[in-house]
């Protein structure tokens, strides 16, 4: 199983970025997909979670109203649209796939928001 996140970069505060994560080696539509982020020296924190087909997408309080998440099961890809970015959103962003006790992580993509 491989998860490949992309789309990170440098953006000014108030700007937007769109991340994507493409999975391979699994039945993508079965998996609950999540986005997490981590700043050096801090624990990895939940950002958003989107179910396989049906259900509610959840967001951390810190990003509600600014971030949206979506997925395209035909493309094995999950997206994170980040708007109104703040310097405190600076982090390495990771995607993860979870189903029935199986949990996979991809390498992160760095998002840097300048003030």
PDB file of N, CA and C in Angstrom:
ATOM      1  N   UNK A   1       0.851  -1.194   0.000  1.00  0.00           N
ATOM      2  CA  UNK A   1       0.000   0.000   0.000  1.00  0.00           C
ATOM      3  C   UNK A   1       0.885   1.241   0.000  1.00  0.00           C
ATOM      4  N   UNK A   2       0.512   2.173  -0.853  1.00  0.00           N
ATOM      5  CA  UNK A   2       1.247   3.446  -0.887  1.00  0.00           C
ATOM      6  C   UNK A   2       0.262   4.603  -0.892  1.00  0.00           C
ATOM      7  N   UNK A   3       0.599   5.623  -0.120  1.00  0.00           N
ATOM      8  CA  UNK A   3      -0.160   6.867  -0.103  1.00  0.00           C
ATOM      9  C   UNK A   3       0.809   7.983  -0.437  1.00  0.00           C
ATOM     10  N   UNK A   4       0.473   8.748  -1.440  1.00  0.00           N
ATOM     11  CA  UNK A   4       1.369   9.814  -1.887  1.00  0.00           C
ATOM     12  C   UNK A   4       0.642  11.151  -1.807  1.00  0.00           C
ATOM     13  N   UNK A   5       1.080  11.961  -0.854  1.00  0.00           N
ATOM     14  CA  UNK A   5       0.497  13.293  -0.706  1.00  0.00           C
ATOM     15  C   UNK A   5       1.299  14.299  -1.509  1.00  0.00           C
ATOM     16  N   UNK A   6       0.606  15.296  -2.028  1.00  0.00           N
ATOM     17  CA  UNK A   6       1.269  16.345  -2.786  1.00  0.00           C
ATOM     18  C   UNK A   6       0.471  17.633  -2.679  1.00  0.00           C
ATOM     19  N   UNK A   7       1.084  18.721  -3.147  1.00  0.00           N
ATOM     20  CA  UNK A   7       0.384  19.988  -3.192  1.00  0.00           C
ATOM     21  C   UNK A   7       0.847  21.005  -2.173  1.00  0.00           C
ATOM     22  N   UNK A   8       1.744  20.602  -1.283  1.00  0.00           N
ATOM     23  CA  UNK A   8       2.239  21.541  -0.293  1.00  0.00           C
ATOM     24  C   UNK A   8       3.091  22.626  -0.928  1.00  0.00           C
ATOM     25  N   UNK A   9       3.382  23.645  -0.150  1.00  0.00           N
ATOM     26  CA  UNK A   9       4.205  24.725  -0.646  1.00  0.00           C
ATOM     27  C   UNK A   9       4.176  25.908   0.290  1.00  0.00           C
ATOM     28  N   UNK A  10       4.665  27.017  -0.216  1.00  0.00           N
ATOM     29  CA  UNK A  10       4.716  28.259   0.548  1.00  0.00           C
ATOM     30  C   UNK A  10       3.597  29.178   0.093  1.00  0.00           C
ATOM     31  N   UNK A  11       2.849  29.701   1.040  1.00  0.00           N
ATOM     32  CA  UNK A  11       1.742  30.600   0.710  1.00  0.00           C
ATOM     33  C   UNK A  11       1.655  31.689   1.774  1.00  0.00           C
ATOM     34  N   UNK A  12       1.166  32.843   1.377  1.00  0.00           N
ATOM     35  CA  UNK A  12       0.986  33.922   2.341  1.00  0.00           C
ATOM     36  C   UNK A  12      -0.286  33.707   3.145  1.00  0.00           C
ATOM     37  N   UNK A  13      -0.286  34.261   4.320  1.00  0.00           N
ATOM     38  CA  UNK A  13      -1.485  34.189   5.161  1.00  0.00           C
ATOM     39  C   UNK A  13      -2.682  34.741   4.399  1.00  0.00           C
ATOM     40  N   UNK A  14      -3.790  34.030   4.530  1.00  0.00           N
ATOM     41  CA  UNK A  14      -4.996  34.393   3.803  1.00  0.00           C
ATOM     42  C   UNK A  14      -5.139  33.686   2.476  1.00  0.00           C
ATOM     43  N   UNK A  15      -4.087  33.043   2.050  1.00  0.00           N
ATOM     44  CA  UNK A  15      -4.101  32.347   0.782  1.00  0.00           C
ATOM     45  C   UNK A  15      -4.685  30.950   0.882  1.00  0.00           C
ATOM     46  N   UNK A  16      -4.600  30.230  -0.226  1.00  0.00           N
ATOM     47  CA  UNK A  16      -5.178  28.887  -0.319  1.00  0.00           C
ATOM     48  C   UNK A  16      -4.171  27.903  -0.903  1.00  0.00           C
ATOM     49  N   UNK A  17      -4.353  26.666  -0.524  1.00  0.00           N
ATOM     50  CA  UNK A  17      -3.611  25.554  -1.109  1.00  0.00           C
ATOM     51  C   UNK A  17      -4.537  24.362  -1.195  1.00  0.00           C
ATOM     52  N   UNK A  18      -4.266  23.521  -2.161  1.00  0.00           N
ATOM     53  CA  UNK A  18      -5.037  22.290  -2.291  1.00  0.00           C
ATOM     54  C   UNK A  18      -4.087  21.121  -2.255  1.00  0.00           C
ATOM     55  N   UNK A  19      -4.301  20.237  -1.300  1.00  0.00           N
ATOM     56  CA  UNK A  19      -3.502  19.024  -1.183  1.00  0.00           C
ATOM     57  C   UNK A  19      -4.262  17.860  -1.789  1.00  0.00           C
ATOM     58  N   UNK A  20      -3.526  16.906  -2.275  1.00  0.00           N
ATOM     59  CA  UNK A  20      -4.131  15.667  -2.738  1.00  0.00           C
ATOM     60  C   UNK A  20      -3.307  14.493  -2.233  1.00  0.00           C
ATOM     61  N   UNK A  21      -3.953  13.381  -2.136  1.00  0.00           N
ATOM     62  CA  UNK A  21      -3.301  12.157  -1.698  1.00  0.00           C
ATOM     63  C   UNK A  21      -3.860  11.014  -2.537  1.00  0.00           C
ATOM     64  N   UNK A  22      -2.986  10.370  -3.267  1.00  0.00           N
ATOM     65  CA  UNK A  22      -3.386   9.265  -4.122  1.00  0.00           C
ATOM     66  C   UNK A  22      -2.912   7.959  -3.521  1.00  0.00           C
ATOM     67  N   UNK A  23      -3.803   6.998  -3.443  1.00  0.00           N
ATOM     68  CA  UNK A  23      -3.504   5.709  -2.842  1.00  0.00           C
ATOM     69  C   UNK A  23      -3.399   4.626  -3.896  1.00  0.00           C
ATOM     70  N   UNK A  24      -2.592   3.641  -3.592  1.00  0.00           N
ATOM     71  CA  UNK A  24      -2.492   2.472  -4.459  1.00  0.00           C
ATOM     72  C   UNK A  24      -2.308   1.241  -3.583  1.00  0.00           C
ATOM     73  N   UNK A  25      -2.706   0.097  -4.128  1.00  0.00           N
ATOM     74  CA  UNK A  25      -2.539  -1.152  -3.399  1.00  0.00           C
ATOM     75  C   UNK A  25      -3.631  -1.466  -2.414  1.00  0.00           C
ATOM     76  N   UNK A  26      -4.724  -0.763  -2.484  1.00  0.00           N
ATOM     77  CA  UNK A  26      -5.847  -1.056  -1.603  1.00  0.00           C
ATOM     78  C   UNK A  26      -7.161  -0.759  -2.316  1.00  0.00           C
ATOM     79  N   UNK A  27      -8.242  -1.295  -1.733  1.00  0.00           N
ATOM     80  CA  UNK A  27      -9.576  -0.999  -2.276  1.00  0.00           C
ATOM     81  C   UNK A  27      -9.990   0.332  -1.676  1.00  0.00           C
ATOM     82  N   UNK A  28      -9.716   1.370  -2.373  1.00  0.00           N
ATOM     83  CA  UNK A  28      -9.762   2.720  -1.828  1.00  0.00           C
ATOM     84  C   UNK A  28     -11.115   3.066  -1.224  1.00  0.00           C
ATOM     85  N   UNK A  29     -12.178   2.689  -1.886  1.00  0.00           N
ATOM     86  CA  UNK A  29     -13.505   3.123  -1.438  1.00  0.00           C
ATOM     87  C   UNK A  29     -13.884   2.537  -0.082  1.00  0.00           C
ATOM     88  N   UNK A  30     -13.197   1.489   0.355  1.00  0.00           N
ATOM     89  CA  UNK A  30     -13.490   0.906   1.665  1.00  0.00           C
ATOM     90  C   UNK A  30     -12.918   1.743   2.802  1.00  0.00           C
ATOM     91  N   UNK A  31     -11.905   2.492   2.484  1.00  0.00           N
ATOM     92  CA  UNK A  31     -11.099   3.106   3.526  1.00  0.00           C
ATOM     93  C   UNK A  31     -11.588   4.487   3.939  1.00  0.00           C
ATOM     94  N   UNK A  32     -11.577   4.686   5.241  1.00  0.00           N
ATOM     95  CA  UNK A  32     -11.770   6.016   5.805  1.00  0.00           C
ATOM     96  C   UNK A  32     -10.445   6.751   5.618  1.00  0.00           C
ATOM     97  N   UNK A  33     -10.493   7.907   5.008  1.00  0.00           N
ATOM     98  CA  UNK A  33      -9.288   8.666   4.731  1.00  0.00           C
ATOM     99  C   UNK A  33      -9.181   9.865   5.670  1.00  0.00           C
ATOM    100  N   UNK A  34      -8.008  10.064   6.174  1.00  0.00           N
ATOM    101  CA  UNK A  34      -7.816  11.175   7.093  1.00  0.00           C
ATOM    102  C   UNK A  34      -6.634  12.047   6.697  1.00  0.00           C
ATOM    103  N   UNK A  35      -6.715  13.279   7.115  1.00  0.00           N
ATOM    104  CA  UNK A  35      -5.585  14.202   7.008  1.00  0.00           C
ATOM    105  C   UNK A  35      -5.148  14.581   8.422  1.00  0.00           C
ATOM    106  N   UNK A  36      -3.856  14.512   8.632  1.00  0.00           N
ATOM    107  CA  UNK A  36      -3.254  14.925   9.897  1.00  0.00           C
ATOM    108  C   UNK A  36      -2.133  15.910   9.592  1.00  0.00           C
ATOM    109  N   UNK A  37      -1.676  16.594  10.601  1.00  0.00           N
ATOM    110  CA  UNK A  37      -0.544  17.488  10.411  1.00  0.00           C
ATOM    111  C   UNK A  37       0.352  17.447  11.646  1.00  0.00           C
ATOM    112  N   UNK A  38       1.586  17.798  11.431  1.00  0.00           N
ATOM    113  CA  UNK A  38       2.545  17.748  12.520  1.00  0.00           C
ATOM    114  C   UNK A  38       3.582  18.846  12.371  1.00  0.00           C
ATOM    115  N   UNK A  39       3.819  19.493  13.479  1.00  0.00           N
ATOM    116  CA  UNK A  39       4.878  20.491  13.591  1.00  0.00           C
ATOM    117  C   UNK A  39       6.008  19.854  14.376  1.00  0.00           C
ATOM    118  N   UNK A  40       7.249  20.089  14.001  1.00  0.00           N
ATOM    119  CA  UNK A  40       8.366  19.497  14.748  1.00  0.00           C
ATOM    120  C   UNK A  40       8.261  19.765  16.241  1.00  0.00           C
ATOM    121  N   UNK A  41       8.422  18.700  17.020  1.00  0.00           N
ATOM    122  CA  UNK A  41       8.361  18.831  18.461  1.00  0.00           C
ATOM    123  C   UNK A  41       6.979  18.701  19.050  1.00  0.00           C
ATOM    124  N   UNK A  42       5.978  18.578  18.179  1.00  0.00           N
ATOM    125  CA  UNK A  42       4.608  18.426  18.658  1.00  0.00           C
ATOM    126  C   UNK A  42       4.013  17.133  18.133  1.00  0.00           C
ATOM    127  N   UNK A  43       2.934  16.721  18.775  1.00  0.00           N
ATOM    128  CA  UNK A  43       2.266  15.503  18.342  1.00  0.00           C
ATOM    129  C   UNK A  43       1.518  15.743  17.036  1.00  0.00           C
ATOM    130  N   UNK A  44       1.366  14.679  16.285  1.00  0.00           N
ATOM    131  CA  UNK A  44       0.574  14.754  15.067  1.00  0.00           C
ATOM    132  C   UNK A  44      -0.877  14.986  15.452  1.00  0.00           C
ATOM    133  N   UNK A  45      -1.530  15.898  14.758  1.00  0.00           N
ATOM    134  CA  UNK A  45      -2.905  16.201  15.118  1.00  0.00           C
ATOM    135  C   UNK A  45      -3.857  15.986  13.941  1.00  0.00           C
ATOM    136  N   UNK A  46      -5.067  15.616  14.296  1.00  0.00           N
ATOM    137  CA  UNK A  46      -6.116  15.369  13.312  1.00  0.00           C
ATOM    138  C   UNK A  46      -6.536  16.686  12.657  1.00  0.00           C
ATOM    139  N   UNK A  47      -6.743  16.616  11.341  1.00  0.00           N
ATOM    140  CA  UNK A  47      -7.231  17.776  10.597  1.00  0.00           C
ATOM    141  C   UNK A  47      -8.621  17.509  10.027  1.00  0.00           C
ATOM    142  N   UNK A  48      -8.756  16.384   9.305  1.00  0.00           N
ATOM    143  CA  UNK A  48     -10.037  16.081   8.666  1.00  0.00           C
ATOM    144  C   UNK A  48     -10.130  14.592   8.424  1.00  0.00           C
ATOM    145  N   UNK A  49     -11.369  14.086   8.395  1.00  0.00           N
ATOM    146  CA  UNK A  49     -11.598  12.682   8.110  1.00  0.00           C
ATOM    147  C   UNK A  49     -12.806  12.534   7.231  1.00  0.00           C
ATOM    148  N   UNK A  50     -12.691  11.694   6.210  1.00  0.00           N
ATOM    149  CA  UNK A  50     -13.770  11.541   5.243  1.00  0.00           C
ATOM    150  C   UNK A  50     -14.038  10.052   5.031  1.00  0.00           C
ATOM    151  N   UNK A  51     -15.285   9.611   5.195  1.00  0.00           N
ATOM    152  CA  UNK A  51     -15.591   8.193   5.065  1.00  0.00           C
ATOM    153  C   UNK A  51     -15.487   7.718   3.623  1.00  0.00           C
ATOM    154  N   UNK A  52     -15.531   6.378   3.470  1.00  0.00           N
ATOM    155  CA  UNK A  52     -15.334   5.787   2.161  1.00  0.00           C
ATOM    156  C   UNK A  52     -16.376   6.167   1.138  1.00  0.00           C
ATOM    157  N   UNK A  53     -17.637   5.987   1.522  1.00  0.00           N
ATOM    158  CA  UNK A  53     -18.705   6.303   0.566  1.00  0.00           C
ATOM    159  C   UNK A  53     -19.743   7.210   1.185  1.00  0.00           C
ATOM    160  N   UNK A  54     -20.243   6.810   2.328  1.00  0.00           N
ATOM    161  CA  UNK A  54     -21.324   7.569   2.936  1.00  0.00           C
ATOM    162  C   UNK A  54     -20.923   7.996   4.334  1.00  0.00           C
ATOM    163  N   UNK A  55     -21.514   9.046   4.795  1.00  0.00           N
ATOM    164  CA  UNK A  55     -21.260   9.473   6.153  1.00  0.00           C
ATOM    165  C   UNK A  55     -20.776  10.903   6.212  1.00  0.00           C
ATOM    166  N   UNK A  56     -20.400  11.271   7.384  1.00  0.00           N
ATOM    167  CA  UNK A  56     -20.057  12.662   7.666  1.00  0.00           C
ATOM    168  C   UNK A  56     -18.555  12.878   7.603  1.00  0.00           C
ATOM    169  N   UNK A  57     -18.174  13.973   7.014  1.00  0.00           N
ATOM    170  CA  UNK A  57     -16.780  14.393   7.039  1.00  0.00           C
ATOM    171  C   UNK A  57     -16.549  15.246   8.275  1.00  0.00           C
ATOM    172  N   UNK A  58     -15.506  14.963   8.994  1.00  0.00           N
ATOM    173  CA  UNK A  58     -15.213  15.676  10.236  1.00  0.00           C
ATOM    174  C   UNK A  58     -13.979  16.554  10.070  1.00  0.00           C
ATOM    175  N   UNK A  59     -13.979  17.641  10.796  1.00  0.00           N
ATOM    176  CA  UNK A  59     -12.856  18.571  10.783  1.00  0.00           C
ATOM    177  C   UNK A  59     -12.474  18.940  12.207  1.00  0.00           C
ATOM    178  N   UNK A  60     -11.211  19.199  12.383  1.00  0.00           N
ATOM    179  CA  UNK A  60     -10.761  19.755  13.656  1.00  0.00           C
ATOM    180  C   UNK A  60     -11.352  21.148  13.811  1.00  0.00           C
ATOM    181  N   UNK A  61     -11.625  21.519  15.033  1.00  0.00           N
ATOM    182  CA  UNK A  61     -12.200  22.842  15.288  1.00  0.00           C
ATOM    183  C   UNK A  61     -11.326  23.956  14.721  1.00  0.00           C
ATOM    184  N   UNK A  62     -10.036  23.729  14.728  1.00  0.00           N
ATOM    185  CA  UNK A  62      -9.104  24.771  14.290  1.00  0.00           C
ATOM    186  C   UNK A  62      -9.181  25.071  12.796  1.00  0.00           C
ATOM    187  N   UNK A  63      -9.792  24.159  12.028  1.00  0.00           N
ATOM    188  CA  UNK A  63      -9.847  24.367  10.578  1.00  0.00           C
ATOM    189  C   UNK A  63     -11.276  24.451  10.053  1.00  0.00           C
ATOM    190  N   UNK A  64     -12.262  24.245  10.900  1.00  0.00           N
ATOM    191  CA  UNK A  64     -13.651  24.298  10.461  1.00  0.00           C
ATOM    192  C   UNK A  64     -13.975  25.642   9.823  1.00  0.00           C
ATOM    193  N   UNK A  65     -14.680  25.563   8.711  1.00  0.00           N
ATOM    194  CA  UNK A  65     -15.049  26.782   8.004  1.00  0.00           C
ATOM    195  C   UNK A  65     -13.974  27.282   7.062  1.00  0.00           C
ATOM    196  N   UNK A  66     -12.777  26.746   7.160  1.00  0.00           N
ATOM    197  CA  UNK A  66     -11.674  27.161   6.271  1.00  0.00           C
ATOM    198  C   UNK A  66     -11.220  26.034   5.350  1.00  0.00           C
ATOM    199  N   UNK A  67     -11.255  24.817   5.841  1.00  0.00           N
ATOM    200  CA  UNK A  67     -10.811  23.658   5.064  1.00  0.00           C
ATOM    201  C   UNK A  67     -12.020  22.835   4.634  1.00  0.00           C
ATOM    202  N   UNK A  68     -11.917  22.248   3.467  1.00  0.00           N
ATOM    203  CA  UNK A  68     -12.892  21.257   3.026  1.00  0.00           C
ATOM    204  C   UNK A  68     -12.143  20.020   2.541  1.00  0.00           C
ATOM    205  N   UNK A  69     -12.814  18.896   2.609  1.00  0.00           N
ATOM    206  CA  UNK A  69     -12.221  17.632   2.177  1.00  0.00           C
ATOM    207  C   UNK A  69     -13.169  16.938   1.218  1.00  0.00           C
ATOM    208  N   UNK A  70     -12.596  16.263   0.257  1.00  0.00           N
ATOM    209  CA  UNK A  70     -13.403  15.503  -0.694  1.00  0.00           C
ATOM    210  C   UNK A  70     -12.573  14.323  -1.182  1.00  0.00           C
ATOM    211  N   UNK A  71     -13.229  13.418  -1.885  1.00  0.00           N
ATOM    212  CA  UNK A  71     -12.514  12.273  -2.433  1.00  0.00           C
ATOM    213  C   UNK A  71     -13.126  11.879  -3.755  1.00  0.00           C
ATOM    214  N   UNK A  72     -12.301  11.279  -4.568  1.00  0.00           N
ATOM    215  CA  UNK A  72     -12.739  10.724  -5.846  1.00  0.00           C
ATOM    216  C   UNK A  72     -12.329   9.265  -5.834  1.00  0.00           C
ATOM    217  N   UNK A  73     -13.290   8.394  -5.548  1.00  0.00           N
ATOM    218  CA  UNK A  73     -12.960   6.972  -5.425  1.00  0.00           C
ATOM    219  C   UNK A  73     -12.515   6.368  -6.750  1.00  0.00           C
ATOM    220  N   UNK A  74     -12.950   6.945  -7.835  1.00  0.00           N
ATOM    221  CA  UNK A  74     -12.528   6.443  -9.151  1.00  0.00           C
ATOM    222  C   UNK A  74     -11.056   6.731  -9.406  1.00  0.00           C
ATOM    223  N   UNK A  75     -10.542   7.760  -8.751  1.00  0.00           N
ATOM    224  CA  UNK A  75      -9.141   8.129  -8.920  1.00  0.00           C
ATOM    225  C   UNK A  75      -8.285   7.754  -7.719  1.00  0.00           C
ATOM    226  N   UNK A  76      -8.908   7.079  -6.742  1.00  0.00           N
ATOM    227  CA  UNK A  76      -8.174   6.695  -5.525  1.00  0.00           C
ATOM    228  C   UNK A  76      -7.498   7.900  -4.874  1.00  0.00           C
ATOM    229  N   UNK A  77      -8.181   9.004  -4.865  1.00  0.00           N
ATOM    230  CA  UNK A  77      -7.567  10.239  -4.404  1.00  0.00           C
ATOM    231  C   UNK A  77      -8.477  10.975  -3.425  1.00  0.00           C
ATOM    232  N   UNK A  78      -7.858  11.514  -2.397  1.00  0.00           N
ATOM    233  CA  UNK A  78      -8.550  12.359  -1.439  1.00  0.00           C
ATOM    234  C   UNK A  78      -7.901  13.740  -1.489  1.00  0.00           C
ATOM    235  N   UNK A  79      -8.724  14.760  -1.261  1.00  0.00           N
ATOM    236  CA  UNK A  79      -8.274  16.130  -1.394  1.00  0.00           C
ATOM    237  C   UNK A  79      -8.510  16.904  -0.095  1.00  0.00           C
ATOM    238  N   UNK A  80      -7.683  17.888   0.112  1.00  0.00           N
ATOM    239  CA  UNK A  80      -7.887  18.816   1.220  1.00  0.00           C
ATOM    240  C   UNK A  80      -7.710  20.226   0.665  1.00  0.00           C
ATOM    241  N   UNK A  81      -8.806  20.954   0.608  1.00  0.00           N
ATOM    242  CA  UNK A  81      -8.769  22.334   0.154  1.00  0.00           C
ATOM    243  C   UNK A  81      -8.634  23.227   1.369  1.00  0.00           C
ATOM    244  N   UNK A  82      -7.580  24.007   1.387  1.00  0.00           N
ATOM    245  CA  UNK A  82      -7.287  24.840   2.547  1.00  0.00           C
ATOM    246  C   UNK A  82      -7.376  26.305   2.145  1.00  0.00           C
ATOM    247  N   UNK A  83      -8.313  26.997   2.740  1.00  0.00           N
ATOM    248  CA  UNK A  83      -8.518  28.410   2.455  1.00  0.00           C
ATOM    249  C   UNK A  83      -8.252  29.249   3.698  1.00  0.00           C
ATOM    250  N   UNK A  84      -8.094  30.522   3.492  1.00  0.00           N
ATOM    251  CA  UNK A  84      -7.854  31.456   4.607  1.00  0.00           C
ATOM    252  C   UNK A  84      -6.752  30.942   5.532  1.00  0.00           C
ATOM    253  N   UNK A  85      -5.678  30.549   4.932  1.00  0.00           N
ATOM    254  CA  UNK A  85      -4.598  29.932   5.699  1.00  0.00           C
ATOM    255  C   UNK A  85      -3.973  30.913   6.678  1.00  0.00           C
ATOM    256  N   UNK A  86      -3.563  30.348   7.795  1.00  0.00           N
ATOM    257  CA  UNK A  86      -2.946  31.114   8.875  1.00  0.00           C
ATOM    258  C   UNK A  86      -1.530  30.583   9.124  1.00  0.00           C
ATOM    259  N   UNK A  87      -0.664  31.398   9.676  1.00  0.00           N
ATOM    260  CA  UNK A  87       0.694  30.904   9.981  1.00  0.00           C
ATOM    261  C   UNK A  87       0.677  29.654  10.862  1.00  0.00           C
ATOM    262  N   UNK A  88      -0.318  29.545  11.726  1.00  0.00           N
ATOM    263  CA  UNK A  88      -0.390  28.367  12.596  1.00  0.00           C
ATOM    264  C   UNK A  88      -0.816  27.102  11.858  1.00  0.00           C
ATOM    265  N   UNK A  89      -1.164  27.226  10.587  1.00  0.00           N
ATOM    266  CA  UNK A  89      -1.440  26.044   9.774  1.00  0.00           C
ATOM    267  C   UNK A  89      -0.154  25.444   9.204  1.00  0.00           C
ATOM    268  N   UNK A  90       0.956  26.119   9.407  1.00  0.00           N
ATOM    269  CA  UNK A  90       2.237  25.600   8.932  1.00  0.00           C
ATOM    270  C   UNK A  90       2.542  24.259   9.583  1.00  0.00           C
ATOM    271  N   UNK A  91       2.783  23.254   8.777  1.00  0.00           N
ATOM    272  CA  UNK A  91       3.023  21.905   9.282  1.00  0.00           C
ATOM    273  C   UNK A  91       3.322  20.973   8.115  1.00  0.00           C
ATOM    274  N   UNK A  92       3.755  19.789   8.469  1.00  0.00           N
ATOM    275  CA  UNK A  92       3.825  18.699   7.502  1.00  0.00           C
ATOM    276  C   UNK A  92       2.453  18.037   7.527  1.00  0.00           C
ATOM    277  N   UNK A  93       1.859  17.885   6.367  1.00  0.00           N
ATOM    278  CA  UNK A  93       0.523  17.297   6.271  1.00  0.00           C
ATOM    279  C   UNK A  93       0.637  15.871   5.747  1.00  0.00           C
ATOM    280  N   UNK A  94      -0.078  14.974   6.414  1.00  0.00           N
ATOM    281  CA  UNK A  94      -0.051  13.555   6.076  1.00  0.00           C
ATOM    282  C   UNK A  94      -1.460  13.063   5.777  1.00  0.00           C
ATOM    283  N   UNK A  95      -1.551  12.116   4.872  1.00  0.00           N
ATOM    284  CA  UNK A  95      -2.827  11.442   4.713  1.00  0.00           C
ATOM    285  C   UNK A  95      -2.694  10.022   5.263  1.00  0.00           C
ATOM    286  N   UNK A  96      -3.809   9.501   5.677  1.00  0.00           N
ATOM    287  CA  UNK A  96      -3.849   8.174   6.255  1.00  0.00           C
ATOM    288  C   UNK A  96      -5.097   7.455   5.789  1.00  0.00           C
ATOM    289  N   UNK A  97      -5.002   6.125   5.696  1.00  0.00           N
ATOM    290  CA  UNK A  97      -6.127   5.295   5.285  1.00  0.00           C
ATOM    291  C   UNK A  97      -6.390   4.271   6.376  1.00  0.00           C
ATOM    292  N   UNK A  98      -7.662   4.124   6.747  1.00  0.00           N
ATOM    293  CA  UNK A  98      -8.023   3.193   7.825  1.00  0.00           C
ATOM    294  C   UNK A  98      -9.233   2.363   7.433  1.00  0.00           C
ATOM    295  N   UNK A  99      -9.121   1.062   7.668  1.00  0.00           N
ATOM    296  CA  UNK A  99     -10.261   0.158   7.462  1.00  0.00           C
ATOM    297  C   UNK A  99     -10.037  -1.105   8.245  1.00  0.00           C
ATOM    298  N   UNK A 100     -10.968  -1.434   9.132  1.00  0.00           N
ATOM    299  CA  UNK A 100     -10.976  -2.690   9.880  1.00  0.00           C
ATOM    300  C   UNK A 100      -9.614  -2.990  10.509  1.00  0.00           C
ATOM    301  N   UNK A 101      -9.084  -2.033  11.222  1.00  0.00           N
ATOM    302  CA  UNK A 101      -7.836  -2.251  11.955  1.00  0.00           C
ATOM    303  C   UNK A 101      -6.578  -2.041  11.144  1.00  0.00           C
ATOM    304  N   UNK A 102      -6.732  -1.904   9.842  1.00  0.00           N
ATOM    305  CA  UNK A 102      -5.573  -1.653   8.985  1.00  0.00           C
ATOM    306  C   UNK A 102      -5.430  -0.146   8.801  1.00  0.00           C
ATOM    307  N   UNK A 103      -4.256   0.333   9.079  1.00  0.00           N
ATOM    308  CA  UNK A 103      -3.997   1.773   9.036  1.00  0.00           C
ATOM    309  C   UNK A 103      -2.690   2.030   8.298  1.00  0.00           C
ATOM    310  N   UNK A 104      -2.758   2.851   7.288  1.00  0.00           N
ATOM    311  CA  UNK A 104      -1.582   3.163   6.481  1.00  0.00           C
ATOM    312  C   UNK A 104      -1.349   4.671   6.466  1.00  0.00           C
ATOM    313  N   UNK A 105      -0.070   5.029   6.409  1.00  0.00           N
ATOM    314  CA  UNK A 105       0.307   6.444   6.357  1.00  0.00           C
ATOM    315  C   UNK A 105       1.197   6.702   5.159  1.00  0.00           C
ATOM    316  N   UNK A 106       1.053   7.869   4.589  1.00  0.00           N
ATOM    317  CA  UNK A 106       1.945   8.275   3.517  1.00  0.00           C
ATOM    318  C   UNK A 106       2.984   9.247   4.045  1.00  0.00           C
ATOM    319  N   UNK A 107       3.924   9.577   3.192  1.00  0.00           N
ATOM    320  CA  UNK A 107       4.879  10.623   3.526  1.00  0.00           C
ATOM    321  C   UNK A 107       4.159  11.958   3.464  1.00  0.00           C
ATOM    322  N   UNK A 108       4.642  12.909   4.217  1.00  0.00           N
ATOM    323  CA  UNK A 108       3.951  14.176   4.309  1.00  0.00           C
ATOM    324  C   UNK A 108       4.303  15.129   3.176  1.00  0.00           C
ATOM    325  N   UNK A 109       3.532  16.199   3.133  1.00  0.00           N
ATOM    326  CA  UNK A 109       3.819  17.304   2.234  1.00  0.00           C
ATOM    327  C   UNK A 109       3.816  18.575   3.084  1.00  0.00           C
ATOM    328  N   UNK A 110       4.839  19.384   2.908  1.00  0.00           N
ATOM    329  CA  UNK A 110       5.038  20.519   3.780  1.00  0.00           C
ATOM    330  C   UNK A 110       4.235  21.728   3.319  1.00  0.00           C
ATOM    331  N   UNK A 111       3.510  22.294   4.254  1.00  0.00           N
ATOM    332  CA  UNK A 111       2.766  23.532   4.017  1.00  0.00           C
ATOM    333  C   UNK A 111       3.360  24.611   4.917  1.00  0.00           C
ATOM    334  N   UNK A 112       3.774  25.703   4.300  1.00  0.00           N
ATOM    335  CA  UNK A 112       4.335  26.813   5.054  1.00  0.00           C
ATOM    336  C   UNK A 112       3.526  28.068   4.755  1.00  0.00           C
ATOM    337  N   UNK A 113       2.993  28.672   5.805  1.00  0.00           N
ATOM    338  CA  UNK A 113       2.173  29.876   5.654  1.00  0.00           C
ATOM    339  C   UNK A 113       2.935  31.041   6.271  1.00  0.00           C
ATOM    340  N   UNK A 114       3.273  31.999   5.437  1.00  0.00           N
ATOM    341  CA  UNK A 114       4.028  33.151   5.929  1.00  0.00           C
ATOM    342  C   UNK A 114       3.079  34.269   6.356  1.00  0.00           C
ATOM    343  N   UNK A 115       3.516  35.001   7.376  1.00  0.00           N
ATOM    344  CA  UNK A 115       2.666  36.094   7.901  1.00  0.00           C
ATOM    345  C   UNK A 115       2.919  37.392   7.167  1.00  0.00           C
TER     346      UNK A 115
END
